[in-house]
N, C-alpha and C. Protein backbone atom coordinates (compact mmCIF):
# COMPACT_ATOMS: atom_id res chain seq x y z
N MET A 1 -5.26 -8.21 -18.35
CA MET A 1 -3.84 -8.33 -18.13
C MET A 1 -3.57 -9.56 -17.26
N LYS A 2 -2.37 -10.10 -17.40
CA LYS A 2 -1.98 -11.28 -16.64
C LYS A 2 -1.73 -10.92 -15.18
N ASN A 3 -2.02 -11.87 -14.30
CA ASN A 3 -1.66 -11.70 -12.89
C ASN A 3 -0.23 -12.17 -12.73
N ARG A 4 0.66 -11.24 -12.41
CA ARG A 4 2.06 -11.57 -12.21
C ARG A 4 2.54 -10.90 -10.94
N LYS A 5 3.64 -11.42 -10.43
CA LYS A 5 4.28 -10.79 -9.28
C LYS A 5 5.46 -9.99 -9.79
N TRP A 6 5.51 -8.74 -9.37
CA TRP A 6 6.58 -7.84 -9.78
C TRP A 6 7.45 -7.55 -8.56
N ASP A 7 8.77 -7.60 -8.75
CA ASP A 7 9.62 -7.23 -7.63
C ASP A 7 9.74 -5.71 -7.56
N ALA A 8 10.19 -5.22 -6.41
CA ALA A 8 10.24 -3.77 -6.15
C ALA A 8 11.13 -3.05 -7.15
N LYS A 9 12.25 -3.66 -7.50
CA LYS A 9 13.19 -3.01 -8.43
C LYS A 9 12.55 -2.81 -9.81
N THR A 10 11.86 -3.82 -10.30
CA THR A 10 11.21 -3.72 -11.60
C THR A 10 10.11 -2.67 -11.58
N LYS A 11 9.33 -2.63 -10.50
CA LYS A 11 8.29 -1.62 -10.38
C LYS A 11 8.89 -0.22 -10.42
N ALA A 12 9.98 -0.02 -9.70
CA ALA A 12 10.63 1.30 -9.66
C ALA A 12 11.14 1.69 -11.04
N ILE A 13 11.72 0.75 -11.75
CA ILE A 13 12.22 1.05 -13.10
C ILE A 13 11.08 1.45 -14.02
N ILE A 14 9.96 0.74 -13.93
CA ILE A 14 8.80 1.04 -14.78
C ILE A 14 8.24 2.42 -14.43
N VAL A 15 8.10 2.72 -13.15
CA VAL A 15 7.59 4.02 -12.73
C VAL A 15 8.53 5.14 -13.18
N MET A 16 9.83 4.91 -13.07
CA MET A 16 10.80 5.92 -13.47
C MET A 16 10.73 6.23 -14.97
N GLU A 17 10.38 5.25 -15.77
CA GLU A 17 10.20 5.50 -17.20
C GLU A 17 9.15 6.58 -17.42
N GLY A 18 8.06 6.48 -16.68
CA GLY A 18 6.99 7.46 -16.81
C GLY A 18 7.40 8.82 -16.27
N ILE A 19 8.13 8.82 -15.18
CA ILE A 19 8.59 10.08 -14.59
C ILE A 19 9.54 10.79 -15.55
N LYS A 20 10.33 10.02 -16.27
CA LYS A 20 11.29 10.60 -17.22
C LYS A 20 10.61 11.11 -18.49
N GLY A 21 9.31 10.83 -18.65
CA GLY A 21 8.57 11.40 -19.76
C GLY A 21 8.05 10.44 -20.80
N LYS A 22 8.33 9.17 -20.66
CA LYS A 22 7.81 8.19 -21.61
C LYS A 22 6.30 8.09 -21.43
N PRO A 23 5.53 8.08 -22.49
CA PRO A 23 4.07 7.99 -22.37
C PRO A 23 3.63 6.72 -21.63
N VAL A 24 2.69 6.91 -20.73
CA VAL A 24 2.22 5.81 -19.89
C VAL A 24 1.64 4.68 -20.73
N ASN A 25 0.92 5.01 -21.78
CA ASN A 25 0.33 3.94 -22.61
C ASN A 25 1.42 3.08 -23.26
N GLU A 26 2.55 3.68 -23.64
CA GLU A 26 3.66 2.90 -24.20
C GLU A 26 4.27 1.99 -23.14
N ILE A 27 4.46 2.54 -21.96
CA ILE A 27 5.04 1.75 -20.86
C ILE A 27 4.15 0.54 -20.57
N CYS A 28 2.86 0.80 -20.47
CA CYS A 28 1.91 -0.27 -20.13
C CYS A 28 1.84 -1.33 -21.22
N ASN A 29 1.86 -0.91 -22.47
CA ASN A 29 1.85 -1.87 -23.57
C ASN A 29 3.12 -2.71 -23.58
N GLU A 30 4.24 -2.05 -23.36
CA GLU A 30 5.53 -2.73 -23.37
C GLU A 30 5.64 -3.78 -22.27
N HIS A 31 5.09 -3.48 -21.11
CA HIS A 31 5.20 -4.38 -19.96
C HIS A 31 3.92 -5.18 -19.71
N GLN A 32 2.96 -5.06 -20.61
CA GLN A 32 1.68 -5.74 -20.47
C GLN A 32 1.08 -5.48 -19.09
N LEU A 33 0.84 -4.19 -18.86
CA LEU A 33 0.42 -3.69 -17.57
C LEU A 33 -0.74 -2.74 -17.78
N SER A 34 -1.71 -2.75 -16.88
CA SER A 34 -2.82 -1.80 -17.01
C SER A 34 -2.37 -0.42 -16.53
N GLN A 35 -2.98 0.61 -17.08
CA GLN A 35 -2.62 1.96 -16.68
C GLN A 35 -2.98 2.21 -15.21
N SER A 36 -4.08 1.63 -14.77
CA SER A 36 -4.45 1.83 -13.36
C SER A 36 -3.40 1.22 -12.43
N GLN A 37 -2.83 0.08 -12.83
CA GLN A 37 -1.76 -0.54 -12.03
C GLN A 37 -0.52 0.36 -12.02
N TYR A 38 -0.18 0.91 -13.17
CA TYR A 38 0.97 1.83 -13.25
C TYR A 38 0.76 3.00 -12.29
N TYR A 39 -0.42 3.61 -12.33
CA TYR A 39 -0.67 4.78 -11.48
C TYR A 39 -0.69 4.42 -10.00
N ARG A 40 -1.13 3.21 -9.64
CA ARG A 40 -1.06 2.77 -8.24
C ARG A 40 0.40 2.68 -7.80
N TRP A 41 1.24 2.07 -8.67
CA TRP A 41 2.66 1.97 -8.35
C TRP A 41 3.30 3.35 -8.24
N ARG A 42 2.94 4.24 -9.15
CA ARG A 42 3.50 5.59 -9.13
C ARG A 42 3.13 6.30 -7.84
N ASP A 43 1.86 6.20 -7.44
CA ASP A 43 1.41 6.84 -6.21
C ASP A 43 2.12 6.26 -4.99
N GLU A 44 2.30 4.95 -4.97
CA GLU A 44 3.02 4.30 -3.87
C GLU A 44 4.48 4.74 -3.86
N PHE A 45 5.06 4.85 -5.06
CA PHE A 45 6.44 5.31 -5.20
C PHE A 45 6.61 6.70 -4.59
N PHE A 46 5.73 7.62 -4.96
CA PHE A 46 5.82 8.99 -4.44
C PHE A 46 5.53 9.05 -2.93
N ALA A 47 4.64 8.20 -2.47
CA ALA A 47 4.29 8.20 -1.05
C ALA A 47 5.45 7.71 -0.18
N ASN A 48 6.31 6.88 -0.74
CA ASN A 48 7.39 6.28 0.04
C ASN A 48 8.78 6.76 -0.34
N ILE A 49 8.86 7.74 -1.21
CA ILE A 49 10.16 8.17 -1.71
C ILE A 49 11.05 8.74 -0.61
N HIS A 50 10.47 9.29 0.44
CA HIS A 50 11.26 9.84 1.54
C HIS A 50 12.10 8.78 2.26
N GLN A 51 11.71 7.52 2.15
CA GLN A 51 12.42 6.45 2.82
C GLN A 51 13.82 6.24 2.25
N VAL A 52 14.06 6.71 1.06
CA VAL A 52 15.39 6.59 0.46
C VAL A 52 16.42 7.27 1.36
N PHE A 53 16.05 8.38 1.96
CA PHE A 53 16.97 9.14 2.79
C PHE A 53 17.00 8.66 4.23
N ASP A 54 16.11 7.75 4.59
CA ASP A 54 16.08 7.19 5.93
C ASP A 54 16.91 5.93 6.05
N SER A 55 17.46 5.43 4.95
CA SER A 55 18.17 4.16 4.98
C SER A 55 19.39 4.20 5.89
N THR A 56 20.03 5.34 6.02
CA THR A 56 21.20 5.45 6.88
C THR A 56 20.83 5.17 8.32
N LYS A 57 19.72 5.72 8.79
CA LYS A 57 19.26 5.48 10.15
C LYS A 57 18.96 4.00 10.36
N LYS A 58 18.34 3.39 9.38
CA LYS A 58 18.00 1.98 9.49
C LYS A 58 19.27 1.15 9.54
N ASP A 59 20.26 1.48 8.71
CA ASP A 59 21.52 0.75 8.71
C ASP A 59 22.22 0.88 10.06
N GLU A 60 22.23 2.08 10.62
CA GLU A 60 22.85 2.29 11.92
C GLU A 60 22.15 1.48 13.00
N ARG A 61 20.84 1.45 12.95
CA ARG A 61 20.07 0.68 13.93
C ARG A 61 20.39 -0.81 13.82
N LEU A 62 20.50 -1.31 12.59
CA LEU A 62 20.81 -2.72 12.39
C LEU A 62 22.22 -3.05 12.86
N ILE A 63 23.16 -2.15 12.65
CA ILE A 63 24.54 -2.37 13.10
C ILE A 63 24.58 -2.45 14.62
N LYS A 64 23.87 -1.53 15.30
CA LYS A 64 23.84 -1.54 16.77
C LYS A 64 23.18 -2.81 17.29
N GLU A 65 22.08 -3.21 16.65
CA GLU A 65 21.40 -4.43 17.07
C GLU A 65 22.29 -5.65 16.87
N ASN A 66 23.02 -5.67 15.76
CA ASN A 66 23.94 -6.77 15.48
C ASN A 66 25.03 -6.85 16.55
N GLN A 67 25.60 -5.70 16.93
CA GLN A 67 26.63 -5.67 17.97
C GLN A 67 26.07 -6.17 19.31
N LYS A 68 24.86 -5.74 19.62
CA LYS A 68 24.23 -6.16 20.87
C LYS A 68 24.03 -7.68 20.89
N LEU A 69 23.57 -8.23 19.78
CA LEU A 69 23.35 -9.68 19.70
C LEU A 69 24.66 -10.44 19.79
N LYS A 70 25.71 -9.92 19.16
CA LYS A 70 27.02 -10.57 19.26
C LYS A 70 27.52 -10.58 20.71
N GLN A 71 27.28 -9.49 21.42
CA GLN A 71 27.67 -9.42 22.84
C GLN A 71 26.92 -10.45 23.65
N ILE A 72 25.62 -10.58 23.39
CA ILE A 72 24.81 -11.57 24.10
C ILE A 72 25.32 -12.99 23.82
N ILE A 73 25.64 -13.26 22.56
CA ILE A 73 26.16 -14.59 22.19
C ILE A 73 27.49 -14.84 22.89
N GLY A 74 28.33 -13.83 22.93
CA GLY A 74 29.61 -13.97 23.62
C GLY A 74 29.43 -14.27 25.10
N ASP A 75 28.54 -13.54 25.74
CA ASP A 75 28.26 -13.75 27.17
C ASP A 75 27.72 -15.16 27.40
N LEU A 76 26.82 -15.60 26.56
CA LEU A 76 26.25 -16.94 26.72
C LEU A 76 27.30 -18.03 26.49
N THR A 77 28.20 -17.79 25.56
CA THR A 77 29.27 -18.75 25.29
C THR A 77 30.17 -18.90 26.51
N VAL A 78 30.51 -17.77 27.13
CA VAL A 78 31.35 -17.80 28.33
C VAL A 78 30.62 -18.56 29.44
N GLU A 79 29.35 -18.28 29.63
CA GLU A 79 28.57 -18.97 30.66
C GLU A 79 28.51 -20.47 30.39
N LEU A 80 28.35 -20.85 29.13
CA LEU A 80 28.29 -22.26 28.77
C LEU A 80 29.61 -22.95 29.08
N LYS A 81 30.72 -22.30 28.79
CA LYS A 81 32.03 -22.90 29.06
C LYS A 81 32.24 -23.05 30.55
N LYS A 82 31.80 -22.06 31.33
CA LYS A 82 31.91 -22.17 32.79
C LYS A 82 31.11 -23.35 33.31
N THR A 83 29.90 -23.51 32.78
CA THR A 83 29.02 -24.60 33.19
C THR A 83 29.62 -25.94 32.83
N GLU A 84 30.22 -26.04 31.63
CA GLU A 84 30.85 -27.29 31.19
C GLU A 84 32.01 -27.65 32.10
N GLU A 85 32.82 -26.65 32.52
CA GLU A 85 33.95 -26.89 33.39
C GLU A 85 33.49 -27.38 34.76
N LEU A 86 32.39 -26.81 35.25
CA LEU A 86 31.87 -27.23 36.55
C LEU A 86 31.36 -28.67 36.51
N LEU A 87 30.84 -29.09 35.38
CA LEU A 87 30.26 -30.43 35.27
C LEU A 87 31.34 -31.50 35.09
N LYS A 88 32.56 -31.10 34.76
CA LYS A 88 33.63 -32.10 34.59
C LYS A 88 34.15 -32.64 35.85
């Protein structure tokens, strides 16, 4: 089989075909993929499927971090303006 790079979305779509009942040999032939590669992707898919429900926590964490960084930038901007005024 060819060495190619597959993005996460394409891997998930291919794995889902098998989960929905399409024969693995058909999937592999259609995508020019070895069966062992398909099963590795499937195992990784099942091992990480719980993360789908954790995305909300990650989004909340990123929002809080973004707010914190904006506050820091604001504080630094104020300090910079004060410094510029003193130097005039």
